[in-house]
Amino acid sequence: MGKNQTPDIETIIRQAVEAGRVAGMSDFKDIFKMTEKRLREYQTMKIRIADNKERLEELRKLGPRGRSRSIVRYQKSGVRLEPEEIFDALVIDMESTIKADEEEIEMIDRALSLIAKDSYSLAVTGKYLEGMTDEEIGESIGCDPTTVWRNRKRLLQTVMTYLYGVRAVR
């Protein structure tokens, strides 16, 4: 094709399909990594929820502690808020943080429930939730580490599809 020639429609379609395929592969890798990260942080999120609930109860019982950074954050807008309004905003902020974290846990729980009956589910839960090695998982379920790895990949596909929808399908 010379300088002044425009590509035909078939060439444009082929280029667009190839670009979409390459972008999809990159997206898939990112989704895989994010799924692993979400599973690894699952236990920490549960601890965070419990800690934040405890802080919220303390906040409700004792009220705000002097001029904390979170109170200053609500005063930066240039609008003068009454202490009660600031306190209410702090409570709402904490409640919404807890709710968002609880929704994340529920989402992961639902995704894990889809693979729970699979005889290799420990390949996912053992690795990400319990910190087990593939060798330890293999010993527990009676297979070699390669089988653990292969089945983890298969089961993670189900978890990824639940968490990310069609973007995780490859």
C-alpha atoms as a PDB file:
ATOM      1  CA  MET A   1       0.000   0.000   0.000  1.00  0.00           C
ATOM      2  CA  GLY A   2       1.483   3.379  -1.058  1.00  0.00           C
ATOM      3  CA  LYS A   3       1.466   6.656   0.823  1.00  0.00           C
ATOM      4  CA  ASN A   4      -1.783   7.938  -0.635  1.00  0.00           C
ATOM      5  CA  GLN A   5      -3.707   4.665  -0.585  1.00  0.00           C
ATOM      6  CA  THR A   6      -6.168   4.065   2.207  1.00  0.00           C
ATOM      7  CA  PRO A   7      -6.510   0.574   3.703  1.00  0.00           C
ATOM      8  CA  ASP A   8      -9.472  -1.508   2.619  1.00  0.00           C
ATOM      9  CA  ILE A   9     -12.233  -2.410   5.053  1.00  0.00           C
ATOM     10  CA  GLU A  10     -10.915  -5.965   5.587  1.00  0.00           C
ATOM     11  CA  THR A  11      -7.500  -4.623   6.612  1.00  0.00           C
ATOM     12  CA  ILE A  12      -9.115  -2.179   9.032  1.00  0.00           C
ATOM     13  CA  ILE A  13     -11.255  -4.953  10.546  1.00  0.00           C
ATOM     14  CA  ARG A  14      -8.238  -7.269  10.921  1.00  0.00           C
ATOM     15  CA  GLN A  15      -6.263  -4.496  12.627  1.00  0.00           C
ATOM     16  CA  ALA A  16      -9.159  -3.674  14.963  1.00  0.00           C
ATOM     17  CA  VAL A  17      -9.671  -7.333  15.898  1.00  0.00           C
ATOM     18  CA  GLU A  18      -5.952  -7.773  16.570  1.00  0.00           C
ATOM     19  CA  ALA A  19      -5.864  -4.605  18.701  1.00  0.00           C
ATOM     20  CA  GLY A  20      -8.870  -5.874  20.675  1.00  0.00           C
ATOM     21  CA  ARG A  21      -7.254  -9.284  21.150  1.00  0.00           C
ATOM     22  CA  VAL A  22      -4.015  -7.734  22.442  1.00  0.00           C
ATOM     23  CA  ALA A  23      -5.929  -5.381  24.758  1.00  0.00           C
ATOM     24  CA  GLY A  24      -8.032  -8.319  26.001  1.00  0.00           C
ATOM     25  CA  MET A  25      -4.925 -10.333  26.855  1.00  0.00           C
ATOM     26  CA  SER A  26      -3.520  -7.436  28.842  1.00  0.00           C
ATOM     27  CA  ASP A  27      -6.865  -6.938  30.582  1.00  0.00           C
ATOM     28  CA  PHE A  28      -7.029 -10.665  31.388  1.00  0.00           C
ATOM     29  CA  LYS A  29      -3.563 -10.617  33.002  1.00  0.00           C
ATOM     30  CA  ASP A  30      -4.529  -7.583  35.073  1.00  0.00           C
ATOM     31  CA  ILE A  31      -7.756  -9.270  36.164  1.00  0.00           C
ATOM     32  CA  PHE A  32      -5.857 -12.422  37.121  1.00  0.00           C
ATOM     33  CA  LYS A  33      -3.419 -10.399  39.248  1.00  0.00           C
ATOM     34  CA  MET A  34      -6.227  -8.382  40.852  1.00  0.00           C
ATOM     35  CA  THR A  35      -8.138 -11.565  41.685  1.00  0.00           C
ATOM     36  CA  GLU A  36      -5.076 -13.004  43.388  1.00  0.00           C
ATOM     37  CA  LYS A  37      -4.561  -9.759  45.283  1.00  0.00           C
ATOM     38  CA  ARG A  38      -8.192  -9.628  46.439  1.00  0.00           C
ATOM     39  CA  LEU A  39      -7.982 -13.222  47.669  1.00  0.00           C
ATOM     40  CA  ARG A  40      -4.661 -12.645  49.459  1.00  0.00           C
ATOM     41  CA  GLU A  41      -6.084  -9.611  51.273  1.00  0.00           C
ATOM     42  CA  TYR A  42      -9.362 -11.329  52.214  1.00  0.00           C
ATOM     43  CA  GLN A  43      -8.327 -12.129  55.819  1.00  0.00           C
ATOM     44  CA  THR A  44      -6.861  -8.634  56.313  1.00  0.00           C
ATOM     45  CA  MET A  45     -10.121  -7.095  55.103  1.00  0.00           C
ATOM     46  CA  LYS A  46     -12.065  -9.118  57.678  1.00  0.00           C
ATOM     47  CA  ILE A  47      -9.752  -7.853  60.428  1.00  0.00           C
ATOM     48  CA  ARG A  48     -10.144  -4.293  59.115  1.00  0.00           C
ATOM     49  CA  ILE A  49     -13.933  -4.574  59.251  1.00  0.00           C
ATOM     50  CA  ALA A  50     -13.845  -5.790  62.852  1.00  0.00           C
ATOM     51  CA  ASP A  51     -11.416  -3.021  63.838  1.00  0.00           C
ATOM     52  CA  ASN A  52     -13.474  -0.332  62.119  1.00  0.00           C
ATOM     53  CA  LYS A  53     -16.669  -1.577  63.784  1.00  0.00           C
ATOM     54  CA  GLU A  54     -14.900  -1.357  67.128  1.00  0.00           C
ATOM     55  CA  ARG A  55     -13.702   2.192  66.345  1.00  0.00           C
ATOM     56  CA  LEU A  56     -17.212   3.178  65.283  1.00  0.00           C
ATOM     57  CA  GLU A  57     -18.672   1.919  68.550  1.00  0.00           C
ATOM     58  CA  GLU A  58     -15.978   3.796  70.457  1.00  0.00           C
ATOM     59  CA  LEU A  59     -16.707   6.933  68.432  1.00  0.00           C
ATOM     60  CA  ARG A  60     -20.424   6.649  69.171  1.00  0.00           C
ATOM     61  CA  LYS A  61     -19.829   6.105  72.891  1.00  0.00           C
ATOM     62  CA  LEU A  62     -17.095   8.686  73.491  1.00  0.00           C
ATOM     63  CA  GLY A  63     -17.654  11.193  70.709  1.00  0.00           C
ATOM     64  CA  PRO A  64     -14.835  12.674  68.625  1.00  0.00           C
ATOM     65  CA  ARG A  65     -11.393  13.056  70.194  1.00  0.00           C
ATOM     66  CA  GLY A  66     -10.381  16.720  69.952  1.00  0.00           C
ATOM     67  CA  ARG A  67      -9.118  17.945  66.575  1.00  0.00           C
ATOM     68  CA  SER A  68      -8.147  14.790  64.735  1.00  0.00           C
ATOM     69  CA  ARG A  69      -7.067  14.812  61.085  1.00  0.00           C
ATOM     70  CA  SER A  70     -10.465  13.447  60.055  1.00  0.00           C
ATOM     71  CA  ILE A  71     -12.194  16.416  61.707  1.00  0.00           C
ATOM     72  CA  VAL A  72      -9.849  18.873  59.998  1.00  0.00           C
ATOM     73  CA  ARG A  73     -10.688  17.195  56.677  1.00  0.00           C
ATOM     74  CA  TYR A  74     -14.332  18.171  57.119  1.00  0.00           C
ATOM     75  CA  GLN A  75     -13.389  21.757  57.966  1.00  0.00           C
ATOM     76  CA  LYS A  76     -11.211  22.460  54.902  1.00  0.00           C
ATOM     77  CA  SER A  77     -14.091  23.222  52.559  1.00  0.00           C
ATOM     78  CA  GLY A  78     -14.390  26.776  53.832  1.00  0.00           C
ATOM     79  CA  VAL A  79     -17.809  26.067  55.337  1.00  0.00           C
ATOM     80  CA  ARG A  80     -18.016  26.250  59.106  1.00  0.00           C
ATOM     81  CA  LEU A  81     -19.586  23.092  60.481  1.00  0.00           C
ATOM     82  CA  GLU A  82     -20.860  22.642  63.978  1.00  0.00           C
ATOM     83  CA  PRO A  83     -19.122  19.955  66.063  1.00  0.00           C
ATOM     84  CA  GLU A  84     -22.274  17.812  65.910  1.00  0.00           C
ATOM     85  CA  GLU A  85     -22.301  18.020  62.098  1.00  0.00           C
ATOM     86  CA  ILE A  86     -18.642  17.022  61.976  1.00  0.00           C
ATOM     87  CA  PHE A  87     -19.313  14.117  64.307  1.00  0.00           C
ATOM     88  CA  ASP A  88     -22.247  12.955  62.174  1.00  0.00           C
ATOM     89  CA  ALA A  89     -20.071  13.176  59.041  1.00  0.00           C
ATOM     90  CA  LEU A  90     -17.365  11.091  60.730  1.00  0.00           C
ATOM     91  CA  VAL A  91     -19.901   8.439  61.679  1.00  0.00           C
ATOM     92  CA  ILE A  92     -21.364   8.342  58.154  1.00  0.00           C
ATOM     93  CA  ASP A  93     -17.855   8.118  56.667  1.00  0.00           C
ATOM     94  CA  MET A  94     -16.928   5.220  58.949  1.00  0.00           C
ATOM     95  CA  GLU A  95     -20.229   3.429  58.265  1.00  0.00           C
ATOM     96  CA  SER A  96     -19.767   3.727  54.504  1.00  0.00           C
ATOM     97  CA  THR A  97     -16.184   2.442  54.758  1.00  0.00           C
ATOM     98  CA  ILE A  98     -17.369  -0.581  56.736  1.00  0.00           C
ATOM     99  CA  LYS A  99     -20.209  -1.216  54.280  1.00  0.00           C
ATOM    100  CA  ALA A 100     -17.868  -1.090  51.260  1.00  0.00           C
ATOM    101  CA  ASP A 101     -15.458  -3.521  52.933  1.00  0.00           C
ATOM    102  CA  GLU A 102     -18.320  -5.857  53.891  1.00  0.00           C
ATOM    103  CA  GLU A 103     -19.563  -5.846  50.304  1.00  0.00           C
ATOM    104  CA  GLU A 104     -16.079  -6.837  49.113  1.00  0.00           C
ATOM    105  CA  ILE A 105     -16.024  -9.754  51.549  1.00  0.00           C
ATOM    106  CA  GLU A 106     -19.541 -10.833  50.487  1.00  0.00           C
ATOM    107  CA  MET A 107     -18.529 -10.706  46.835  1.00  0.00           C
ATOM    108  CA  ILE A 108     -15.468 -12.878  47.448  1.00  0.00           C
ATOM    109  CA  ASP A 109     -17.507 -15.267  49.621  1.00  0.00           C
ATOM    110  CA  ARG A 110     -20.047 -15.705  46.797  1.00  0.00           C
ATOM    111  CA  ALA A 111     -17.258 -16.286  44.268  1.00  0.00           C
ATOM    112  CA  LEU A 112     -15.616 -18.866  46.542  1.00  0.00           C
ATOM    113  CA  SER A 113     -18.950 -20.614  47.127  1.00  0.00           C
ATOM    114  CA  LEU A 114     -19.031 -21.412  43.394  1.00  0.00           C
ATOM    115  CA  ILE A 115     -15.898 -23.535  43.727  1.00  0.00           C
ATOM    116  CA  ALA A 116     -16.446 -24.860  47.269  1.00  0.00           C
ATOM    117  CA  LYS A 117     -17.737 -28.298  46.205  1.00  0.00           C
ATOM    118  CA  ASP A 118     -14.854 -28.895  43.798  1.00  0.00           C
ATOM    119  CA  SER A 119     -12.415 -31.469  45.173  1.00  0.00           C
ATOM    120  CA  TYR A 120      -9.536 -29.086  44.378  1.00  0.00           C
ATOM    121  CA  SER A 121     -10.997 -25.969  46.021  1.00  0.00           C
ATOM    122  CA  LEU A 122      -8.196 -26.088  48.593  1.00  0.00           C
ATOM    123  CA  ALA A 123      -5.860 -25.170  45.718  1.00  0.00           C
ATOM    124  CA  VAL A 124      -7.416 -21.681  45.866  1.00  0.00           C
ATOM    125  CA  THR A 125      -8.459 -21.291  49.499  1.00  0.00           C
ATOM    126  CA  GLY A 126      -5.327 -22.966  50.833  1.00  0.00           C
ATOM    127  CA  LYS A 127      -2.985 -20.783  48.837  1.00  0.00           C
ATOM    128  CA  TYR A 128      -4.688 -17.407  49.150  1.00  0.00           C
ATOM    129  CA  LEU A 129      -6.623 -17.597  52.409  1.00  0.00           C
ATOM    130  CA  GLU A 130      -4.438 -19.926  54.464  1.00  0.00           C
ATOM    131  CA  GLY A 131      -0.985 -19.256  52.992  1.00  0.00           C
ATOM    132  CA  MET A 132      -0.292 -22.904  52.188  1.00  0.00           C
ATOM    133  CA  THR A 133       2.314 -23.977  49.631  1.00  0.00           C
ATOM    134  CA  ASP A 134       1.407 -26.112  46.618  1.00  0.00           C
ATOM    135  CA  GLU A 135       3.285 -29.001  48.245  1.00  0.00           C
ATOM    136  CA  GLU A 136       1.213 -28.705  51.436  1.00  0.00           C
ATOM    137  CA  ILE A 137      -2.006 -28.485  49.445  1.00  0.00           C
ATOM    138  CA  GLY A 138      -0.984 -31.488  47.345  1.00  0.00           C
ATOM    139  CA  GLU A 139      -0.304 -33.538  50.480  1.00  0.00           C
ATOM    140  CA  SER A 140      -3.692 -32.578  51.921  1.00  0.00           C
ATOM    141  CA  ILE A 141      -5.690 -33.575  48.852  1.00  0.00           C
ATOM    142  CA  GLY A 142      -3.439 -36.377  47.600  1.00  0.00           C
ATOM    143  CA  CYS A 143      -1.918 -35.026  44.400  1.00  0.00           C
ATOM    144  CA  ASP A 144       1.295 -33.492  43.123  1.00  0.00           C
ATOM    145  CA  PRO A 145       2.004 -29.722  43.142  1.00  0.00           C
ATOM    146  CA  THR A 146       1.590 -29.488  39.349  1.00  0.00           C
ATOM    147  CA  THR A 147      -1.961 -30.796  39.637  1.00  0.00           C
ATOM    148  CA  VAL A 148      -2.617 -28.261  42.397  1.00  0.00           C
ATOM    149  CA  TRP A 149      -1.339 -25.435  40.182  1.00  0.00           C
ATOM    150  CA  ARG A 150      -3.359 -26.579  37.137  1.00  0.00           C
ATOM    151  CA  ASN A 151      -6.592 -26.884  39.125  1.00  0.00           C
ATOM    152  CA  ARG A 152      -6.020 -23.561  40.876  1.00  0.00           C
ATOM    153  CA  LYS A 153      -5.788 -21.899  37.484  1.00  0.00           C
ATOM    154  CA  ARG A 154      -9.033 -23.601  36.412  1.00  0.00           C
ATOM    155  CA  LEU A 155     -10.880 -22.625  39.596  1.00  0.00           C
ATOM    156  CA  LEU A 156      -9.546 -19.074  39.559  1.00  0.00           C
ATOM    157  CA  GLN A 157     -11.187 -18.677  36.159  1.00  0.00           C
ATOM    158  CA  THR A 158     -14.565 -19.238  37.835  1.00  0.00           C
ATOM    159  CA  VAL A 159     -13.745 -16.801  40.637  1.00  0.00           C
ATOM    160  CA  MET A 160     -12.482 -14.204  38.146  1.00  0.00           C
ATOM    161  CA  THR A 161     -15.583 -14.505  35.986  1.00  0.00           C
ATOM    162  CA  TYR A 162     -17.814 -13.966  39.002  1.00  0.00           C
ATOM    163  CA  LEU A 163     -15.807 -10.961  40.224  1.00  0.00           C
ATOM    164  CA  TYR A 164     -15.189  -9.300  36.841  1.00  0.00           C
ATOM    165  CA  GLY A 165     -17.786 -10.661  34.441  1.00  0.00           C
ATOM    166  CA  VAL A 166     -17.148 -11.029  30.737  1.00  0.00           C
ATOM    167  CA  ARG A 167     -13.825  -9.171  30.931  1.00  0.00           C
ATOM    168  CA  ALA A 168     -12.382 -12.240  32.677  1.00  0.00           C
ATOM    169  CA  VAL A 169     -13.503 -14.656  29.969  1.00  0.00           C
ATOM    170  CA  ARG A 170     -10.771 -15.594  27.571  1.00  0.00           C
END
